[in-house]
């Protein structure tokens, strides 16, 4: 699996579906379990990993990401390493709610968020720039620990989109427009070397 190249291929995957995601609710730092569909997506990711082996598996510390990585760990005989910097953003007052519900309560703030989610995050939410910075540092640490290797990284929708924008020099405020959503258990491949990044593939389903 390893190569003589010093670049690291990071295979970024969003965790499987949760109950809140099925209802289009923001999950953020709430620790919620996978649905049956989410567990099936995790198993599909495990089959993908068996067919496309990796050298290491990393996840965020949140249980939905850890559970999504478990089938891949079993398939390859690996133990996932957990990285706190990969946790999802805290969405503040919108945790557990839909954007539509928030818009009914605060239409001006909701409209501002939709126009520029970085300059106008949800009230009491984590600053997206802070989340992007910690997520980027986490991926750089992982890449530095696995030169020349392929690494599966299971994390979260908004955090990964912010990190991708940072890595690819896309303005953070454009993350919802340029990257509307990452599919559950879909693979985005990023090559990292000496702090620079190249996008190899985006949002590729791990199963037909």
N, C-alpha and C. Protein backbone atom coordinates (compact mmCIF):
# COMPACT_ATOMS: atom_id res chain seq x y z
N UNK A 1 0.82 -1.20 0.00
CA UNK A 1 0.00 0.00 0.00
C UNK A 1 0.85 1.25 0.00
N UNK A 2 1.94 1.26 0.76
CA UNK A 2 2.80 2.42 0.82
C UNK A 2 3.57 2.58 -0.47
N UNK A 3 4.00 3.78 -0.77
CA UNK A 3 4.80 4.06 -1.95
C UNK A 3 6.05 4.81 -1.53
N UNK A 4 6.96 5.03 -2.48
CA UNK A 4 8.17 5.78 -2.19
C UNK A 4 7.90 7.27 -2.16
N UNK A 5 6.76 7.73 -2.64
CA UNK A 5 6.41 9.14 -2.61
C UNK A 5 6.23 9.61 -1.18
N UNK A 6 6.56 10.87 -0.92
CA UNK A 6 6.38 11.42 0.42
C UNK A 6 4.99 12.04 0.58
N UNK A 7 4.22 12.10 -0.49
CA UNK A 7 2.87 12.66 -0.38
C UNK A 7 1.95 11.64 0.31
N UNK A 8 0.95 12.15 0.97
CA UNK A 8 -0.04 11.31 1.66
C UNK A 8 -1.37 11.47 0.97
N UNK A 9 -2.03 10.35 0.70
CA UNK A 9 -3.38 10.40 0.14
C UNK A 9 -4.37 10.26 1.27
N UNK A 10 -5.14 11.32 1.51
CA UNK A 10 -6.17 11.30 2.54
C UNK A 10 -7.51 11.03 1.88
N UNK A 11 -8.17 9.98 2.31
CA UNK A 11 -9.47 9.58 1.77
C UNK A 11 -10.51 10.01 2.79
N UNK A 12 -11.11 11.15 2.53
CA UNK A 12 -12.01 11.78 3.49
C UNK A 12 -13.43 11.26 3.30
N UNK A 13 -14.04 10.81 4.37
CA UNK A 13 -15.41 10.31 4.31
C UNK A 13 -16.26 10.95 5.39
N UNK A 14 -17.43 11.37 5.01
CA UNK A 14 -18.41 11.82 6.00
C UNK A 14 -19.02 10.57 6.65
N UNK A 15 -19.34 10.66 7.93
CA UNK A 15 -19.96 9.54 8.64
C UNK A 15 -21.32 9.18 8.02
N UNK A 16 -21.86 8.05 8.45
CA UNK A 16 -23.16 7.61 7.97
C UNK A 16 -24.31 8.45 8.52
N UNK A 17 -25.48 8.22 7.96
CA UNK A 17 -26.67 8.98 8.32
C UNK A 17 -27.03 8.80 9.80
N UNK A 18 -27.48 9.88 10.43
CA UNK A 18 -28.03 9.82 11.78
C UNK A 18 -29.51 10.20 11.73
N UNK A 19 -30.19 10.02 12.85
CA UNK A 19 -31.61 10.37 12.91
C UNK A 19 -31.82 11.84 12.56
N UNK A 20 -30.98 12.70 13.09
CA UNK A 20 -31.15 14.12 12.83
C UNK A 20 -30.89 14.47 11.37
N UNK A 21 -29.92 13.81 10.77
CA UNK A 21 -29.65 14.09 9.36
C UNK A 21 -30.81 13.62 8.49
N UNK A 22 -31.43 12.52 8.87
CA UNK A 22 -32.58 12.03 8.11
C UNK A 22 -33.70 13.08 8.10
N UNK A 23 -33.75 13.90 9.16
CA UNK A 23 -34.76 14.95 9.27
C UNK A 23 -34.21 16.31 8.86
N UNK A 24 -32.99 16.33 8.33
CA UNK A 24 -32.32 17.56 7.88
C UNK A 24 -32.11 18.54 9.04
N UNK A 25 -31.79 17.99 10.21
CA UNK A 25 -31.51 18.81 11.38
C UNK A 25 -30.00 18.92 11.61
N UNK A 26 -29.56 20.05 12.10
CA UNK A 26 -28.14 20.23 12.40
C UNK A 26 -27.77 19.36 13.61
N UNK A 27 -26.67 18.63 13.47
CA UNK A 27 -26.21 17.76 14.56
C UNK A 27 -25.09 18.41 15.34
N UNK A 28 -24.06 18.85 14.64
CA UNK A 28 -22.95 19.55 15.29
C UNK A 28 -22.27 18.74 16.36
N UNK A 29 -22.17 19.30 17.57
CA UNK A 29 -21.45 18.63 18.65
C UNK A 29 -22.34 17.68 19.45
N UNK A 30 -23.61 17.57 19.09
CA UNK A 30 -24.48 16.59 19.73
C UNK A 30 -24.04 15.19 19.31
N UNK A 31 -23.97 14.28 20.28
CA UNK A 31 -23.48 12.93 19.98
C UNK A 31 -24.67 12.01 19.74
N UNK A 32 -25.07 11.86 18.49
CA UNK A 32 -26.23 11.06 18.15
C UNK A 32 -25.80 9.82 17.36
N UNK A 33 -26.62 8.78 17.42
CA UNK A 33 -26.27 7.49 16.82
C UNK A 33 -26.65 7.43 15.34
N UNK A 34 -26.07 6.45 14.67
CA UNK A 34 -26.41 6.19 13.27
C UNK A 34 -27.80 5.55 13.18
N UNK A 35 -28.48 5.82 12.07
CA UNK A 35 -29.72 5.10 11.75
C UNK A 35 -29.35 3.74 11.14
N UNK A 36 -30.37 2.93 10.87
CA UNK A 36 -30.12 1.67 10.15
C UNK A 36 -29.47 1.96 8.80
N UNK A 37 -29.95 3.02 8.13
CA UNK A 37 -29.36 3.41 6.85
C UNK A 37 -27.90 3.83 7.05
N UNK A 38 -27.62 4.54 8.12
CA UNK A 38 -26.26 4.95 8.41
C UNK A 38 -25.35 3.77 8.66
N UNK A 39 -25.86 2.75 9.36
CA UNK A 39 -25.05 1.55 9.59
C UNK A 39 -24.80 0.80 8.29
N UNK A 40 -25.79 0.79 7.41
CA UNK A 40 -25.60 0.16 6.09
C UNK A 40 -24.55 0.92 5.29
N UNK A 41 -24.55 2.24 5.39
CA UNK A 41 -23.53 3.04 4.70
C UNK A 41 -22.15 2.75 5.27
N UNK A 42 -22.06 2.57 6.58
CA UNK A 42 -20.78 2.22 7.20
C UNK A 42 -20.28 0.87 6.70
N UNK A 43 -21.18 -0.09 6.56
CA UNK A 43 -20.79 -1.41 6.04
C UNK A 43 -20.30 -1.29 4.60
N UNK A 44 -20.97 -0.45 3.81
CA UNK A 44 -20.53 -0.23 2.43
C UNK A 44 -19.13 0.38 2.40
N UNK A 45 -18.87 1.31 3.31
CA UNK A 45 -17.53 1.88 3.40
C UNK A 45 -16.51 0.81 3.78
N UNK A 46 -16.90 -0.12 4.64
CA UNK A 46 -16.02 -1.22 5.00
C UNK A 46 -15.69 -2.10 3.81
N UNK A 47 -16.69 -2.37 2.97
CA UNK A 47 -16.43 -3.17 1.76
C UNK A 47 -15.54 -2.41 0.79
N UNK A 48 -15.75 -1.10 0.70
CA UNK A 48 -14.88 -0.28 -0.16
C UNK A 48 -13.44 -0.35 0.34
N UNK A 49 -13.25 -0.25 1.65
CA UNK A 49 -11.90 -0.29 2.21
C UNK A 49 -11.23 -1.64 1.96
N UNK A 50 -12.02 -2.71 2.01
CA UNK A 50 -11.45 -4.03 1.74
C UNK A 50 -10.96 -4.13 0.30
N UNK A 51 -11.63 -3.44 -0.62
CA UNK A 51 -11.25 -3.47 -2.03
C UNK A 51 -10.20 -2.41 -2.37
N UNK A 52 -10.07 -1.39 -1.54
CA UNK A 52 -9.11 -0.29 -1.77
C UNK A 52 -8.34 -0.06 -0.47
N UNK A 53 -7.48 -0.99 -0.08
CA UNK A 53 -6.88 -0.95 1.27
C UNK A 53 -6.13 0.35 1.57
N UNK A 54 -6.16 0.70 2.84
CA UNK A 54 -5.46 1.88 3.33
C UNK A 54 -4.47 1.44 4.41
N UNK A 55 -3.54 2.33 4.72
CA UNK A 55 -2.51 2.03 5.72
C UNK A 55 -2.94 2.37 7.13
N UNK A 56 -3.88 3.31 7.26
CA UNK A 56 -4.30 3.76 8.58
C UNK A 56 -5.71 4.33 8.48
N UNK A 57 -6.39 4.37 9.62
CA UNK A 57 -7.73 4.94 9.70
C UNK A 57 -7.78 5.90 10.88
N UNK A 58 -8.26 7.09 10.61
CA UNK A 58 -8.44 8.11 11.64
C UNK A 58 -9.90 8.56 11.63
N UNK A 59 -10.41 8.93 12.80
CA UNK A 59 -11.77 9.44 12.90
C UNK A 59 -11.80 10.64 13.85
N UNK A 60 -12.90 11.37 13.80
CA UNK A 60 -13.14 12.34 14.86
C UNK A 60 -13.48 11.55 16.12
N UNK A 61 -13.58 12.25 17.23
CA UNK A 61 -13.89 11.58 18.50
C UNK A 61 -15.37 11.32 18.68
N UNK A 62 -16.21 11.76 17.76
CA UNK A 62 -17.65 11.63 17.92
C UNK A 62 -18.11 10.23 17.52
N UNK A 63 -19.06 9.69 18.27
CA UNK A 63 -19.41 8.27 18.12
C UNK A 63 -19.92 7.93 16.73
N UNK A 64 -20.60 8.86 16.05
CA UNK A 64 -21.11 8.54 14.72
C UNK A 64 -19.98 8.35 13.71
N UNK A 65 -18.87 9.05 13.89
CA UNK A 65 -17.72 8.86 13.02
C UNK A 65 -16.98 7.57 13.37
N UNK A 66 -16.82 7.32 14.66
CA UNK A 66 -16.15 6.09 15.11
C UNK A 66 -16.93 4.86 14.61
N UNK A 67 -18.26 4.88 14.75
CA UNK A 67 -19.08 3.75 14.32
C UNK A 67 -19.01 3.56 12.81
N UNK A 68 -18.92 4.64 12.06
CA UNK A 68 -18.84 4.53 10.60
C UNK A 68 -17.54 3.88 10.17
N UNK A 69 -16.47 4.11 10.92
CA UNK A 69 -15.16 3.54 10.57
C UNK A 69 -15.00 2.08 10.99
N UNK A 70 -15.84 1.60 11.89
CA UNK A 70 -15.64 0.27 12.46
C UNK A 70 -15.62 -0.85 11.41
N UNK A 71 -16.54 -0.89 10.43
CA UNK A 71 -16.46 -1.97 9.44
C UNK A 71 -15.16 -1.95 8.63
N UNK A 72 -14.64 -0.75 8.32
CA UNK A 72 -13.36 -0.67 7.60
C UNK A 72 -12.24 -1.18 8.48
N UNK A 73 -12.28 -0.86 9.78
CA UNK A 73 -11.27 -1.38 10.71
C UNK A 73 -11.28 -2.90 10.75
N UNK A 74 -12.48 -3.47 10.83
CA UNK A 74 -12.60 -4.93 10.84
C UNK A 74 -12.06 -5.54 9.56
N UNK A 75 -12.41 -4.92 8.44
CA UNK A 75 -12.02 -5.47 7.14
C UNK A 75 -10.51 -5.49 6.97
N UNK A 76 -9.83 -4.50 7.53
CA UNK A 76 -8.38 -4.37 7.31
C UNK A 76 -7.55 -4.74 8.53
N UNK A 77 -8.20 -5.07 9.62
CA UNK A 77 -7.45 -5.41 10.83
C UNK A 77 -6.71 -4.22 11.41
N UNK A 78 -7.31 -3.04 11.30
CA UNK A 78 -6.70 -1.81 11.81
C UNK A 78 -7.50 -1.27 12.99
N UNK A 79 -6.83 -0.50 13.82
CA UNK A 79 -7.49 0.21 14.91
C UNK A 79 -7.53 1.69 14.55
N UNK A 80 -8.71 2.28 14.59
CA UNK A 80 -8.84 3.69 14.24
C UNK A 80 -8.21 4.57 15.32
N UNK A 81 -7.49 5.57 14.87
CA UNK A 81 -6.95 6.58 15.78
C UNK A 81 -7.91 7.77 15.78
N UNK A 82 -8.10 8.38 16.94
CA UNK A 82 -9.10 9.44 17.07
C UNK A 82 -8.41 10.80 17.20
N UNK A 83 -8.95 11.76 16.48
CA UNK A 83 -8.37 13.10 16.42
C UNK A 83 -9.43 14.13 16.83
N UNK A 84 -9.27 14.75 18.00
CA UNK A 84 -10.27 15.73 18.46
C UNK A 84 -10.46 16.90 17.50
N UNK A 85 -9.43 17.26 16.75
CA UNK A 85 -9.54 18.37 15.83
C UNK A 85 -10.49 18.13 14.67
N UNK A 86 -10.92 16.89 14.49
CA UNK A 86 -11.82 16.55 13.40
C UNK A 86 -13.30 16.59 13.81
N UNK A 87 -13.59 16.99 15.04
CA UNK A 87 -14.99 17.00 15.47
C UNK A 87 -15.79 18.03 14.63
N UNK A 88 -17.08 17.83 14.60
CA UNK A 88 -17.94 18.73 13.82
C UNK A 88 -18.02 20.10 14.48
N UNK A 89 -18.43 21.09 13.70
CA UNK A 89 -18.63 22.44 14.22
C UNK A 89 -19.79 22.46 15.22
N UNK A 90 -19.69 23.35 16.18
CA UNK A 90 -20.80 23.61 17.09
C UNK A 90 -21.71 24.63 16.41
N UNK A 91 -22.98 24.28 16.21
CA UNK A 91 -23.92 25.15 15.51
C UNK A 91 -24.76 26.03 16.44
N UNK A 92 -24.37 26.09 17.69
CA UNK A 92 -25.01 27.02 18.61
C UNK A 92 -26.49 26.77 18.78
N UNK A 93 -27.29 27.83 18.65
CA UNK A 93 -28.73 27.73 18.92
C UNK A 93 -29.46 26.86 17.90
N UNK A 94 -28.81 26.50 16.81
CA UNK A 94 -29.48 25.70 15.77
C UNK A 94 -29.22 24.20 15.96
N UNK A 95 -28.42 23.83 16.95
CA UNK A 95 -28.20 22.40 17.22
C UNK A 95 -29.55 21.70 17.39
N UNK A 96 -29.76 20.63 16.64
CA UNK A 96 -30.98 19.85 16.74
C UNK A 96 -32.18 20.44 16.00
N UNK A 97 -31.98 21.55 15.31
CA UNK A 97 -33.08 22.21 14.60
C UNK A 97 -32.77 22.26 13.11
N UNK A 98 -33.78 22.58 12.32
CA UNK A 98 -33.60 22.76 10.89
C UNK A 98 -33.39 24.24 10.60
N UNK A 99 -32.81 24.51 9.43
CA UNK A 99 -32.65 25.90 9.02
C UNK A 99 -34.01 26.57 8.85
N UNK A 100 -35.00 25.83 8.37
CA UNK A 100 -36.34 26.38 8.19
C UNK A 100 -36.94 26.80 9.54
N UNK A 101 -36.73 26.01 10.58
CA UNK A 101 -37.23 26.37 11.91
C UNK A 101 -36.56 27.64 12.41
N UNK A 102 -35.26 27.74 12.21
CA UNK A 102 -34.53 28.94 12.64
C UNK A 102 -35.00 30.16 11.85
N UNK A 103 -35.29 29.97 10.58
CA UNK A 103 -35.71 31.08 9.73
C UNK A 103 -37.06 31.65 10.19
N UNK A 104 -37.94 30.80 10.67
CA UNK A 104 -39.22 31.27 11.19
C UNK A 104 -39.03 32.15 12.42
N UNK A 105 -38.03 31.79 13.23
CA UNK A 105 -37.75 32.52 14.47
C UNK A 105 -36.96 33.80 14.22
N UNK A 106 -36.00 33.73 13.29
CA UNK A 106 -35.08 34.85 13.08
C UNK A 106 -34.77 34.96 11.59
N UNK A 107 -35.71 35.45 10.78
CA UNK A 107 -35.53 35.47 9.33
C UNK A 107 -34.36 36.33 8.87
N UNK A 108 -34.07 37.42 9.57
CA UNK A 108 -32.96 38.29 9.16
C UNK A 108 -31.63 37.57 9.33
N UNK A 109 -31.44 36.95 10.49
CA UNK A 109 -30.18 36.24 10.74
C UNK A 109 -30.05 35.01 9.84
N UNK A 110 -31.14 34.32 9.57
CA UNK A 110 -31.11 33.16 8.68
C UNK A 110 -30.72 33.58 7.27
N UNK A 111 -31.27 34.69 6.81
CA UNK A 111 -30.93 35.17 5.46
C UNK A 111 -29.46 35.57 5.39
N UNK A 112 -28.95 36.20 6.45
CA UNK A 112 -27.54 36.58 6.47
C UNK A 112 -26.65 35.35 6.44
N UNK A 113 -27.02 34.31 7.20
CA UNK A 113 -26.25 33.06 7.19
C UNK A 113 -26.22 32.45 5.80
N UNK A 114 -27.34 32.42 5.13
CA UNK A 114 -27.40 31.83 3.80
C UNK A 114 -26.55 32.61 2.80
N UNK A 115 -26.45 33.91 2.99
CA UNK A 115 -25.65 34.74 2.09
C UNK A 115 -24.16 34.59 2.36
N UNK A 116 -23.79 34.50 3.64
CA UNK A 116 -22.37 34.37 4.02
C UNK A 116 -22.28 33.66 5.37
N UNK A 117 -22.19 32.33 5.37
CA UNK A 117 -22.23 31.57 6.62
C UNK A 117 -20.99 31.76 7.50
N UNK A 118 -19.94 32.35 6.96
CA UNK A 118 -18.74 32.57 7.76
C UNK A 118 -18.80 33.92 8.47
N UNK A 119 -19.21 34.94 7.76
CA UNK A 119 -19.35 36.26 8.40
C UNK A 119 -20.55 36.31 9.34
N UNK A 120 -21.56 35.49 9.07
CA UNK A 120 -22.79 35.52 9.88
C UNK A 120 -23.17 34.10 10.31
N UNK A 121 -22.34 33.46 11.16
CA UNK A 121 -22.70 32.12 11.65
C UNK A 121 -23.92 32.19 12.57
N UNK A 122 -24.46 31.03 12.91
CA UNK A 122 -25.60 31.00 13.82
C UNK A 122 -25.21 31.57 15.19
N UNK A 123 -26.17 32.17 15.90
CA UNK A 123 -25.86 32.68 17.25
C UNK A 123 -25.29 31.57 18.14
N UNK A 124 -24.24 31.92 18.88
CA UNK A 124 -23.58 31.02 19.84
C UNK A 124 -22.83 29.87 19.17
N UNK A 125 -22.70 29.91 17.84
CA UNK A 125 -22.00 28.85 17.11
C UNK A 125 -20.49 29.08 17.13
N UNK A 126 -19.75 28.02 16.87
CA UNK A 126 -18.31 28.13 16.70
C UNK A 126 -18.00 28.96 15.45
N UNK A 127 -17.01 29.81 15.54
CA UNK A 127 -16.58 30.59 14.38
C UNK A 127 -16.09 29.61 13.30
N UNK A 128 -16.68 29.62 12.11
CA UNK A 128 -16.24 28.69 11.05
C UNK A 128 -14.77 28.81 10.73
N UNK A 129 -14.19 30.00 10.90
CA UNK A 129 -12.75 30.15 10.64
C UNK A 129 -11.92 29.39 11.65
N UNK A 130 -12.40 29.37 12.89
CA UNK A 130 -11.72 28.60 13.93
C UNK A 130 -11.82 27.10 13.63
N UNK A 131 -13.02 26.65 13.22
CA UNK A 131 -13.22 25.25 12.88
C UNK A 131 -12.35 24.84 11.69
N UNK A 132 -12.30 25.69 10.69
CA UNK A 132 -11.47 25.40 9.51
C UNK A 132 -10.01 25.27 9.89
N UNK A 133 -9.54 26.15 10.76
CA UNK A 133 -8.13 26.12 11.17
C UNK A 133 -7.80 24.85 11.95
N UNK A 134 -8.66 24.47 12.90
CA UNK A 134 -8.35 23.27 13.68
C UNK A 134 -8.44 22.01 12.83
N UNK A 135 -9.42 21.97 11.92
CA UNK A 135 -9.54 20.81 11.04
C UNK A 135 -8.37 20.69 10.09
N UNK A 136 -7.91 21.82 9.58
CA UNK A 136 -6.75 21.81 8.68
C UNK A 136 -5.50 21.37 9.42
N UNK A 137 -5.30 21.86 10.64
CA UNK A 137 -4.15 21.43 11.44
C UNK A 137 -4.21 19.93 11.69
N UNK A 138 -5.41 19.41 11.95
CA UNK A 138 -5.56 17.98 12.20
C UNK A 138 -5.17 17.16 10.97
N UNK A 139 -5.64 17.56 9.79
CA UNK A 139 -5.29 16.82 8.58
C UNK A 139 -3.79 16.91 8.29
N UNK A 140 -3.19 18.04 8.56
CA UNK A 140 -1.75 18.16 8.34
C UNK A 140 -0.96 17.27 9.29
N UNK A 141 -1.44 17.15 10.53
CA UNK A 141 -0.78 16.24 11.48
C UNK A 141 -0.89 14.80 10.99
N UNK A 142 -2.07 14.44 10.52
CA UNK A 142 -2.27 13.07 10.03
C UNK A 142 -1.38 12.80 8.82
N UNK A 143 -1.36 13.74 7.88
CA UNK A 143 -0.53 13.57 6.69
C UNK A 143 0.94 13.44 7.06
N UNK A 144 1.40 14.26 8.01
CA UNK A 144 2.80 14.21 8.42
C UNK A 144 3.15 12.88 9.09
N UNK A 145 2.17 12.25 9.73
CA UNK A 145 2.42 10.97 10.40
C UNK A 145 2.42 9.80 9.44
N UNK A 146 1.96 10.01 8.19
CA UNK A 146 1.83 8.90 7.24
C UNK A 146 2.38 9.27 5.86
N UNK A 147 3.63 9.68 5.78
CA UNK A 147 4.17 10.03 4.45
C UNK A 147 4.18 8.82 3.52
N UNK A 148 3.74 9.05 2.29
CA UNK A 148 3.74 7.97 1.30
C UNK A 148 2.65 6.95 1.49
N UNK A 149 1.67 7.23 2.36
CA UNK A 149 0.64 6.24 2.66
C UNK A 149 -0.76 6.75 2.29
N UNK A 150 -1.70 5.81 2.33
CA UNK A 150 -3.12 6.10 2.11
C UNK A 150 -3.84 6.01 3.45
N UNK A 151 -4.60 7.05 3.77
CA UNK A 151 -5.24 7.12 5.08
C UNK A 151 -6.73 7.43 4.91
N UNK A 152 -7.57 6.60 5.52
CA UNK A 152 -9.01 6.88 5.55
C UNK A 152 -9.30 7.76 6.75
N UNK A 153 -9.98 8.87 6.52
CA UNK A 153 -10.32 9.82 7.58
C UNK A 153 -11.84 9.99 7.60
N UNK A 154 -12.47 9.62 8.70
CA UNK A 154 -13.93 9.72 8.82
C UNK A 154 -14.27 10.89 9.73
N UNK A 155 -14.97 11.87 9.18
CA UNK A 155 -15.29 13.08 9.95
C UNK A 155 -16.70 13.57 9.58
N UNK A 156 -16.86 14.87 9.37
CA UNK A 156 -18.18 15.48 9.35
C UNK A 156 -18.37 16.44 8.18
N UNK A 157 -19.62 16.64 7.80
CA UNK A 157 -19.97 17.37 6.59
C UNK A 157 -19.44 18.81 6.57
N UNK A 158 -19.81 19.61 7.54
CA UNK A 158 -19.40 21.01 7.51
C UNK A 158 -17.90 21.16 7.77
N UNK A 159 -17.38 20.43 8.73
CA UNK A 159 -15.95 20.52 9.02
C UNK A 159 -15.12 20.16 7.79
N UNK A 160 -15.48 19.08 7.11
CA UNK A 160 -14.72 18.67 5.92
C UNK A 160 -14.83 19.70 4.81
N UNK A 161 -16.00 20.28 4.63
CA UNK A 161 -16.15 21.29 3.57
C UNK A 161 -15.30 22.53 3.87
N UNK A 162 -15.26 22.94 5.12
CA UNK A 162 -14.43 24.07 5.49
C UNK A 162 -12.94 23.77 5.27
N UNK A 163 -12.54 22.56 5.63
CA UNK A 163 -11.14 22.16 5.44
C UNK A 163 -10.79 22.09 3.96
N UNK A 164 -11.70 21.55 3.15
CA UNK A 164 -11.44 21.48 1.71
C UNK A 164 -11.28 22.88 1.13
N UNK A 165 -12.12 23.80 1.54
CA UNK A 165 -11.99 25.17 1.03
C UNK A 165 -10.64 25.76 1.43
N UNK A 166 -10.22 25.53 2.67
CA UNK A 166 -8.92 26.02 3.12
C UNK A 166 -7.80 25.42 2.30
N UNK A 167 -7.84 24.09 2.12
CA UNK A 167 -6.77 23.40 1.40
C UNK A 167 -6.68 23.80 -0.05
N UNK A 168 -7.82 24.14 -0.65
CA UNK A 168 -7.87 24.43 -2.08
C UNK A 168 -7.98 25.92 -2.39
N UNK A 169 -7.77 26.75 -1.37
CA UNK A 169 -7.78 28.21 -1.53
C UNK A 169 -9.11 28.75 -2.06
N UNK A 170 -10.21 28.14 -1.60
CA UNK A 170 -11.55 28.61 -1.91
C UNK A 170 -12.02 29.48 -0.74
N UNK A 171 -12.56 30.65 -0.98
CA UNK A 171 -13.02 31.49 0.13
C UNK A 171 -13.98 30.72 1.04
N UNK A 172 -13.74 30.79 2.34
CA UNK A 172 -14.55 30.01 3.28
C UNK A 172 -16.04 30.34 3.18
N UNK A 173 -16.34 31.61 2.93
CA UNK A 173 -17.74 32.01 2.85
C UNK A 173 -18.51 31.36 1.72
N UNK A 174 -17.80 30.70 0.82
CA UNK A 174 -18.43 30.04 -0.33
C UNK A 174 -18.66 28.55 -0.09
N UNK A 175 -18.36 28.04 1.11
CA UNK A 175 -18.37 26.59 1.28
C UNK A 175 -19.74 25.95 1.02
N UNK A 176 -20.83 26.62 1.37
CA UNK A 176 -22.15 26.03 1.16
C UNK A 176 -22.55 26.05 -0.32
N UNK A 177 -22.05 27.03 -1.06
CA UNK A 177 -22.37 27.12 -2.49
C UNK A 177 -21.49 26.20 -3.33
N UNK A 178 -20.19 26.22 -3.07
CA UNK A 178 -19.25 25.43 -3.87
C UNK A 178 -19.35 23.94 -3.52
N UNK A 179 -19.57 23.64 -2.25
CA UNK A 179 -19.67 22.25 -1.78
C UNK A 179 -20.98 22.09 -1.03
N UNK A 180 -22.10 21.96 -1.75
CA UNK A 180 -23.42 21.93 -1.09
C UNK A 180 -23.55 20.88 0.00
N UNK A 181 -22.99 19.69 -0.24
CA UNK A 181 -23.05 18.64 0.77
C UNK A 181 -22.14 17.50 0.36
N UNK A 182 -21.56 16.83 1.34
CA UNK A 182 -20.81 15.60 1.10
C UNK A 182 -21.72 14.43 1.43
N UNK A 183 -21.75 13.45 0.57
CA UNK A 183 -22.62 12.30 0.80
C UNK A 183 -22.16 11.47 1.97
N UNK A 184 -23.10 10.85 2.67
CA UNK A 184 -22.74 9.95 3.76
C UNK A 184 -21.88 8.81 3.25
N UNK A 185 -20.72 8.64 3.85
CA UNK A 185 -19.77 7.57 3.51
C UNK A 185 -19.19 7.70 2.10
N UNK A 186 -19.40 8.83 1.43
CA UNK A 186 -18.77 9.05 0.13
C UNK A 186 -17.31 9.45 0.33
N UNK A 187 -16.48 9.22 -0.69
CA UNK A 187 -15.04 9.42 -0.58
C UNK A 187 -14.59 10.66 -1.36
N UNK A 188 -13.84 11.51 -0.68
CA UNK A 188 -13.14 12.63 -1.33
C UNK A 188 -11.65 12.42 -1.11
N UNK A 189 -10.90 12.34 -2.19
CA UNK A 189 -9.46 12.05 -2.09
C UNK A 189 -8.66 13.33 -2.21
N UNK A 190 -7.75 13.51 -1.26
CA UNK A 190 -6.91 14.70 -1.20
C UNK A 190 -5.47 14.25 -1.06
N UNK A 191 -4.60 14.76 -1.92
CA UNK A 191 -3.17 14.46 -1.81
C UNK A 191 -2.49 15.63 -1.11
N UNK A 192 -1.77 15.31 -0.02
CA UNK A 192 -1.10 16.35 0.74
C UNK A 192 0.40 16.09 0.80
N UNK A 193 1.16 17.15 0.63
CA UNK A 193 2.62 17.05 0.72
C UNK A 193 3.19 18.42 1.07
N UNK A 194 3.99 18.46 2.13
CA UNK A 194 4.64 19.71 2.56
C UNK A 194 3.63 20.84 2.77
N UNK A 195 2.45 20.49 3.29
CA UNK A 195 1.46 21.51 3.59
C UNK A 195 0.58 21.92 2.43
N UNK A 196 0.91 21.49 1.20
CA UNK A 196 0.06 21.81 0.05
C UNK A 196 -0.88 20.64 -0.24
N UNK A 197 -1.96 20.94 -0.97
CA UNK A 197 -2.97 19.91 -1.22
C UNK A 197 -3.44 19.93 -2.65
N UNK A 198 -3.83 18.75 -3.15
CA UNK A 198 -4.40 18.62 -4.48
C UNK A 198 -5.63 17.73 -4.38
N UNK A 199 -6.72 18.16 -5.00
CA UNK A 199 -7.95 17.37 -4.99
C UNK A 199 -7.89 16.32 -6.09
N UNK A 200 -8.02 15.05 -5.70
CA UNK A 200 -7.97 13.95 -6.66
C UNK A 200 -9.36 13.48 -7.07
N UNK A 201 -10.31 13.53 -6.16
CA UNK A 201 -11.70 13.17 -6.47
C UNK A 201 -12.59 13.77 -5.40
N UNK A 202 -13.87 13.93 -5.73
CA UNK A 202 -14.79 14.61 -4.82
C UNK A 202 -16.10 13.85 -4.69
N UNK A 203 -16.44 13.49 -3.45
CA UNK A 203 -17.79 13.01 -3.15
C UNK A 203 -18.19 11.77 -3.96
N UNK A 204 -17.27 10.81 -4.06
CA UNK A 204 -17.52 9.60 -4.84
C UNK A 204 -18.19 8.54 -3.95
N UNK A 205 -19.37 8.06 -4.32
CA UNK A 205 -20.03 7.03 -3.49
C UNK A 205 -19.15 5.79 -3.35
N UNK A 206 -19.16 5.21 -2.17
CA UNK A 206 -18.34 4.02 -1.96
C UNK A 206 -19.06 2.75 -2.40
N UNK A 207 -20.32 2.89 -2.79
CA UNK A 207 -21.09 1.74 -3.28
C UNK A 207 -21.94 2.21 -4.46
N UNK A 208 -22.28 1.30 -5.37
CA UNK A 208 -23.13 1.69 -6.51
C UNK A 208 -24.44 2.29 -6.03
